[in-house]
Amino acid sequence: MEHFSKGFLGRVVIGSALGFDDEDSVFELLYLTINNITKKWQRSIQDWRAATSNFAVLFFERFSL
């Protein structure tokens, strides 16, 4: 699936998530997909510091800086 875009893969994951019974399984599949996509990144992420700050606010119980 290397030639597919990140957006397409995200839609495939979300579309296939309709068959899952619980929300945790959907999040696990989404996490694994994102993890697989990010292995192929070559450049650094722009504004990552701002993104991590937002994630820390939204997901404070699961996020550590």
PDB file of N, CA and C in Angstrom:
ATOM      1  N   MET A   1       0.823  -1.199   0.000  1.00  0.00           N
ATOM      2  CA  MET A   1       0.000   0.000   0.000  1.00  0.00           C
ATOM      3  C   MET A   1       0.864   1.259   0.000  1.00  0.00           C
ATOM      4  N   GLU A   2       2.102   1.141  -0.434  1.00  0.00           N
ATOM      5  CA  GLU A   2       3.005   2.280  -0.405  1.00  0.00           C
ATOM      6  C   GLU A   2       2.551   3.418  -1.296  1.00  0.00           C
ATOM      7  N   HIS A   3       1.897   3.116  -2.395  1.00  0.00           N
ATOM      8  CA  HIS A   3       1.536   4.156  -3.351  1.00  0.00           C
ATOM      9  C   HIS A   3       0.249   4.891  -2.994  1.00  0.00           C
ATOM     10  N   PHE A   4      -0.429   4.509  -1.943  1.00  0.00           N
ATOM     11  CA  PHE A   4      -1.645   5.204  -1.534  1.00  0.00           C
ATOM     12  C   PHE A   4      -1.302   6.398  -0.655  1.00  0.00           C
ATOM     13  N   SER A   5      -2.117   7.431  -0.728  1.00  0.00           N
ATOM     14  CA  SER A   5      -1.880   8.629   0.078  1.00  0.00           C
ATOM     15  C   SER A   5      -2.265   8.387   1.534  1.00  0.00           C
ATOM     16  N   LYS A   6      -1.751   9.260   2.407  1.00  0.00           N
ATOM     17  CA  LYS A   6      -2.084   9.162   3.832  1.00  0.00           C
ATOM     18  C   LYS A   6      -3.576   9.371   4.054  1.00  0.00           C
ATOM     19  N   GLY A   7      -4.169  10.292   3.296  1.00  0.00           N
ATOM     20  CA  GLY A   7      -5.600  10.551   3.430  1.00  0.00           C
ATOM     21  C   GLY A   7      -6.430   9.346   3.049  1.00  0.00           C
ATOM     22  N   PHE A   8      -6.021   8.683   1.977  1.00  0.00           N
ATOM     23  CA  PHE A   8      -6.732   7.489   1.539  1.00  0.00           C
ATOM     24  C   PHE A   8      -6.650   6.399   2.593  1.00  0.00           C
ATOM     25  N   LEU A   9      -5.454   6.184   3.141  1.00  0.00           N
ATOM     26  CA  LEU A   9      -5.303   5.158   4.172  1.00  0.00           C
ATOM     27  C   LEU A   9      -6.149   5.473   5.395  1.00  0.00           C
ATOM     28  N   GLY A  10      -6.219   6.753   5.753  1.00  0.00           N
ATOM     29  CA  GLY A  10      -7.060   7.146   6.880  1.00  0.00           C
ATOM     30  C   GLY A  10      -8.519   6.844   6.622  1.00  0.00           C
ATOM     31  N   ARG A  11      -8.979   7.109   5.396  1.00  0.00           N
ATOM     32  CA  ARG A  11     -10.378   6.813   5.060  1.00  0.00           C
ATOM     33  C   ARG A  11     -10.635   5.313   5.065  1.00  0.00           C
ATOM     34  N   VAL A  12      -9.655   4.534   4.622  1.00  0.00           N
ATOM     35  CA  VAL A  12      -9.803   3.081   4.641  1.00  0.00           C
ATOM     36  C   VAL A  12      -9.929   2.591   6.074  1.00  0.00           C
ATOM     37  N   VAL A  13      -9.116   3.116   6.962  1.00  0.00           N
ATOM     38  CA  VAL A  13      -9.167   2.708   8.373  1.00  0.00           C
ATOM     39  C   VAL A  13     -10.500   3.090   8.984  1.00  0.00           C
ATOM     40  N   ILE A  14     -10.938   4.322   8.766  1.00  0.00           N
ATOM     41  CA  ILE A  14     -12.207   4.776   9.335  1.00  0.00           C
ATOM     42  C   ILE A  14     -13.364   3.975   8.746  1.00  0.00           C
ATOM     43  N   GLY A  15     -13.322   3.710   7.454  1.00  0.00           N
ATOM     44  CA  GLY A  15     -14.382   2.931   6.815  1.00  0.00           C
ATOM     45  C   GLY A  15     -14.438   1.512   7.340  1.00  0.00           C
ATOM     46  N   SER A  16     -13.270   0.905   7.536  1.00  0.00           N
ATOM     47  CA  SER A  16     -13.250  -0.463   8.044  1.00  0.00           C
ATOM     48  C   SER A  16     -13.582  -0.513   9.531  1.00  0.00           C
ATOM     49  N   ALA A  17     -13.503   0.620  10.199  1.00  0.00           N
ATOM     50  CA  ALA A  17     -13.776   0.667  11.638  1.00  0.00           C
ATOM     51  C   ALA A  17     -15.248   0.450  11.951  1.00  0.00           C
ATOM     52  N   LEU A  18     -16.100   0.556  10.961  1.00  0.00           N
ATOM     53  CA  LEU A  18     -17.530   0.386  11.203  1.00  0.00           C
ATOM     54  C   LEU A  18     -17.866  -1.028  11.660  1.00  0.00           C
ATOM     55  N   GLY A  19     -17.000  -1.983  11.399  1.00  0.00           N
ATOM     56  CA  GLY A  19     -17.251  -3.359  11.789  1.00  0.00           C
ATOM     57  C   GLY A  19     -16.801  -3.696  13.197  1.00  0.00           C
ATOM     58  N   PHE A  20     -16.196  -2.760  13.904  1.00  0.00           N
ATOM     59  CA  PHE A  20     -15.705  -3.029  15.251  1.00  0.00           C
ATOM     60  C   PHE A  20     -16.786  -2.774  16.291  1.00  0.00           C
ATOM     61  N   ASP A  21     -16.711  -3.539  17.370  1.00  0.00           N
ATOM     62  CA  ASP A  21     -17.709  -3.417  18.429  1.00  0.00           C
ATOM     63  C   ASP A  21     -17.401  -2.308  19.425  1.00  0.00           C
ATOM     64  N   ASP A  22     -16.123  -2.076  19.694  1.00  0.00           N
ATOM     65  CA  ASP A  22     -15.795  -1.070  20.696  1.00  0.00           C
ATOM     66  C   ASP A  22     -14.846  -0.011  20.130  1.00  0.00           C
ATOM     67  N   GLU A  23     -14.857   1.123  20.788  1.00  0.00           N
ATOM     68  CA  GLU A  23     -14.084   2.278  20.339  1.00  0.00           C
ATOM     69  C   GLU A  23     -12.583   2.046  20.475  1.00  0.00           C
ATOM     70  N   ASP A  24     -12.168   1.288  21.467  1.00  0.00           N
ATOM     71  CA  ASP A  24     -10.738   1.040  21.675  1.00  0.00           C
ATOM     72  C   ASP A  24     -10.111   0.307  20.491  1.00  0.00           C
ATOM     73  N   SER A  25     -10.837  -0.610  19.894  1.00  0.00           N
ATOM     74  CA  SER A  25     -10.320  -1.329  18.735  1.00  0.00           C
ATOM     75  C   SER A  25     -10.115  -0.397  17.550  1.00  0.00           C
ATOM     76  N   VAL A  26     -11.020   0.549  17.387  1.00  0.00           N
ATOM     77  CA  VAL A  26     -10.897   1.529  16.305  1.00  0.00           C
ATOM     78  C   VAL A  26      -9.667   2.393  16.532  1.00  0.00           C
ATOM     79  N   PHE A  27      -9.483   2.879  17.762  1.00  0.00           N
ATOM     80  CA  PHE A  27      -8.324   3.716  18.066  1.00  0.00           C
ATOM     81  C   PHE A  27      -7.019   2.945  17.901  1.00  0.00           C
ATOM     82  N   GLU A  28      -7.018   1.672  18.261  1.00  0.00           N
ATOM     83  CA  GLU A  28      -5.813   0.869  18.094  1.00  0.00           C
ATOM     84  C   GLU A  28      -5.461   0.723  16.616  1.00  0.00           C
ATOM     85  N   LEU A  29      -6.453   0.453  15.785  1.00  0.00           N
ATOM     86  CA  LEU A  29      -6.217   0.333  14.351  1.00  0.00           C
ATOM     87  C   LEU A  29      -5.736   1.647  13.761  1.00  0.00           C
ATOM     88  N   LEU A  30      -6.339   2.751  14.180  1.00  0.00           N
ATOM     89  CA  LEU A  30      -5.921   4.062  13.700  1.00  0.00           C
ATOM     90  C   LEU A  30      -4.492   4.369  14.154  1.00  0.00           C
ATOM     91  N   TYR A  31      -4.168   4.049  15.398  1.00  0.00           N
ATOM     92  CA  TYR A  31      -2.811   4.258  15.915  1.00  0.00           C
ATOM     93  C   TYR A  31      -1.792   3.458  15.108  1.00  0.00           C
ATOM     94  N   LEU A  32      -2.083   2.196  14.867  1.00  0.00           N
ATOM     95  CA  LEU A  32      -1.147   1.357  14.123  1.00  0.00           C
ATOM     96  C   LEU A  32      -0.969   1.844  12.690  1.00  0.00           C
ATOM     97  N   THR A  33      -2.043   2.337  12.079  1.00  0.00           N
ATOM     98  CA  THR A  33      -1.951   2.871  10.721  1.00  0.00           C
ATOM     99  C   THR A  33      -1.094   4.122  10.689  1.00  0.00           C
ATOM    100  N   ILE A  34      -1.329   5.030  11.623  1.00  0.00           N
ATOM    101  CA  ILE A  34      -0.528   6.260  11.683  1.00  0.00           C
ATOM    102  C   ILE A  34       0.931   5.919  11.972  1.00  0.00           C
ATOM    103  N   ASN A  35       1.157   4.984  12.864  1.00  0.00           N
ATOM    104  CA  ASN A  35       2.519   4.567  13.185  1.00  0.00           C
ATOM    105  C   ASN A  35       3.219   4.010  11.947  1.00  0.00           C
ATOM    106  N   ASN A  36       2.512   3.234  11.155  1.00  0.00           N
ATOM    107  CA  ASN A  36       3.074   2.671   9.933  1.00  0.00           C
ATOM    108  C   ASN A  36       3.381   3.762   8.912  1.00  0.00           C
ATOM    109  N   ILE A  37       2.506   4.745   8.801  1.00  0.00           N
ATOM    110  CA  ILE A  37       2.715   5.843   7.854  1.00  0.00           C
ATOM    111  C   ILE A  37       3.915   6.683   8.268  1.00  0.00           C
ATOM    112  N   THR A  38       4.037   6.975   9.556  1.00  0.00           N
ATOM    113  CA  THR A  38       5.107   7.862  10.012  1.00  0.00           C
ATOM    114  C   THR A  38       6.490   7.233   9.892  1.00  0.00           C
ATOM    115  N   LYS A  39       6.585   5.930   9.775  1.00  0.00           N
ATOM    116  CA  LYS A  39       7.884   5.290   9.577  1.00  0.00           C
ATOM    117  C   LYS A  39       8.512   5.727   8.261  1.00  0.00           C
ATOM    118  N   LYS A  40       7.699   6.129   7.309  1.00  0.00           N
ATOM    119  CA  LYS A  40       8.183   6.492   5.978  1.00  0.00           C
ATOM    120  C   LYS A  40       8.492   7.979   5.846  1.00  0.00           C
ATOM    121  N   TRP A  41       8.205   8.773   6.867  1.00  0.00           N
ATOM    122  CA  TRP A  41       8.457  10.214   6.792  1.00  0.00           C
ATOM    123  C   TRP A  41       9.944  10.486   6.775  1.00  0.00           C
ATOM    124  N   GLN A  42      10.355  11.423   5.941  1.00  0.00           N
ATOM    125  CA  GLN A  42      11.762  11.788   5.834  1.00  0.00           C
ATOM    126  C   GLN A  42      12.045  13.171   6.416  1.00  0.00           C
ATOM    127  N   ARG A  43      11.053  14.044   6.426  1.00  0.00           N
ATOM    128  CA  ARG A  43      11.252  15.414   6.903  1.00  0.00           C
ATOM    129  C   ARG A  43      10.675  15.576   8.304  1.00  0.00           C
ATOM    130  N   SER A  44      11.161  16.591   9.004  1.00  0.00           N
ATOM    131  CA  SER A  44      10.618  16.877  10.328  1.00  0.00           C
ATOM    132  C   SER A  44       9.243  17.539  10.192  1.00  0.00           C
ATOM    133  N   ILE A  45       8.460  17.448  11.224  1.00  0.00           N
ATOM    134  CA  ILE A  45       7.102  17.980  11.209  1.00  0.00           C
ATOM    135  C   ILE A  45       7.140  19.462  11.551  1.00  0.00           C
ATOM    136  N   GLN A  46       6.480  20.272  10.729  1.00  0.00           N
ATOM    137  CA  GLN A  46       6.420  21.706  10.979  1.00  0.00           C
ATOM    138  C   GLN A  46       5.508  21.980  12.173  1.00  0.00           C
ATOM    139  N   ASP A  47       5.898  22.929  12.995  1.00  0.00           N
ATOM    140  CA  ASP A  47       5.109  23.363  14.151  1.00  0.00           C
ATOM    141  C   ASP A  47       4.775  22.220  15.109  1.00  0.00           C
ATOM    142  N   TRP A  48       5.693  21.286  15.261  1.00  0.00           N
ATOM    143  CA  TRP A  48       5.431  20.149  16.136  1.00  0.00           C
ATOM    144  C   TRP A  48       5.282  20.583  17.587  1.00  0.00           C
ATOM    145  N   ARG A  49       6.024  21.609  18.004  1.00  0.00           N
ATOM    146  CA  ARG A  49       5.930  22.084  19.389  1.00  0.00           C
ATOM    147  C   ARG A  49       4.511  22.576  19.691  1.00  0.00           C
ATOM    148  N   ALA A  50       3.908  23.310  18.767  1.00  0.00           N
ATOM    149  CA  ALA A  50       2.532  23.792  18.957  1.00  0.00           C
ATOM    150  C   ALA A  50       1.555  22.622  18.967  1.00  0.00           C
ATOM    151  N   ALA A  51       1.789  21.637  18.105  1.00  0.00           N
ATOM    152  CA  ALA A  51       0.907  20.467  18.060  1.00  0.00           C
ATOM    153  C   ALA A  51       0.970  19.683  19.367  1.00  0.00           C
ATOM    154  N   THR A  52       2.176  19.478  19.891  1.00  0.00           N
ATOM    155  CA  THR A  52       2.285  18.728  21.143  1.00  0.00           C
ATOM    156  C   THR A  52       1.634  19.466  22.303  1.00  0.00           C
ATOM    157  N   SER A  53       1.698  20.783  22.283  1.00  0.00           N
ATOM    158  CA  SER A  53       1.021  21.559  23.330  1.00  0.00           C
ATOM    159  C   SER A  53      -0.486  21.363  23.259  1.00  0.00           C
ATOM    160  N   ASN A  54      -1.034  21.372  22.052  1.00  0.00           N
ATOM    161  CA  ASN A  54      -2.474  21.148  21.881  1.00  0.00           C
ATOM    162  C   ASN A  54      -2.868  19.737  22.306  1.00  0.00           C
ATOM    163  N   PHE A  55      -2.064  18.747  21.936  1.00  0.00           N
ATOM    164  CA  PHE A  55      -2.356  17.374  22.341  1.00  0.00           C
ATOM    165  C   PHE A  55      -2.316  17.236  23.861  1.00  0.00           C
ATOM    166  N   ALA A  56      -1.370  17.906  24.494  1.00  0.00           N
ATOM    167  CA  ALA A  56      -1.257  17.838  25.953  1.00  0.00           C
ATOM    168  C   ALA A  56      -2.490  18.416  26.631  1.00  0.00           C
ATOM    169  N   VAL A  57      -3.072  19.452  26.047  1.00  0.00           N
ATOM    170  CA  VAL A  57      -4.292  20.045  26.610  1.00  0.00           C
ATOM    171  C   VAL A  57      -5.478  19.118  26.387  1.00  0.00           C
ATOM    172  N   LEU A  58      -5.601  18.586  25.175  1.00  0.00           N
ATOM    173  CA  LEU A  58      -6.755  17.744  24.843  1.00  0.00           C
ATOM    174  C   LEU A  58      -6.701  16.376  25.518  1.00  0.00           C
ATOM    175  N   PHE A  59      -5.510  15.793  25.600  1.00  0.00           N
ATOM    176  CA  PHE A  59      -5.358  14.427  26.106  1.00  0.00           C
ATOM    177  C   PHE A  59      -4.411  14.401  27.304  1.00  0.00           C
ATOM    178  N   PHE A  60      -4.637  15.301  28.258  1.00  0.00           N
ATOM    179  CA  PHE A  60      -3.721  15.450  29.388  1.00  0.00           C
ATOM    180  C   PHE A  60      -3.520  14.161  30.169  1.00  0.00           C
ATOM    181  N   GLU A  61      -4.540  13.314  30.254  1.00  0.00           N
ATOM    182  CA  GLU A  61      -4.414  12.086  31.034  1.00  0.00           C
ATOM    183  C   GLU A  61      -3.565  11.035  30.323  1.00  0.00           C
ATOM    184  N   ARG A  62      -3.394  11.158  29.009  1.00  0.00           N
ATOM    185  CA  ARG A  62      -2.625  10.174  28.249  1.00  0.00           C
ATOM    186  C   ARG A  62      -1.336  10.737  27.671  1.00  0.00           C
ATOM    187  N   PHE A  63      -1.036  11.979  27.950  1.00  0.00           N
ATOM    188  CA  PHE A  63       0.080  12.641  27.285  1.00  0.00           C
ATOM    189  C   PHE A  63       1.070  13.174  28.303  1.00  0.00           C
ATOM    190  N   SER A  64       2.341  12.948  28.042  1.00  0.00           N
ATOM    191  CA  SER A  64       3.380  13.525  28.900  1.00  0.00           C
ATOM    192  C   SER A  64       4.413  14.205  28.016  1.00  0.00           C
ATOM    193  N   LEU A  65       4.872  15.360  28.459  1.00  0.00           N
ATOM    194  CA  LEU A  65       5.861  16.113  27.671  1.00  0.00           C
ATOM    195  C   LEU A  65       7.262  15.686  28.005  1.00  0.00           C
TER     196      LEU A  65
END
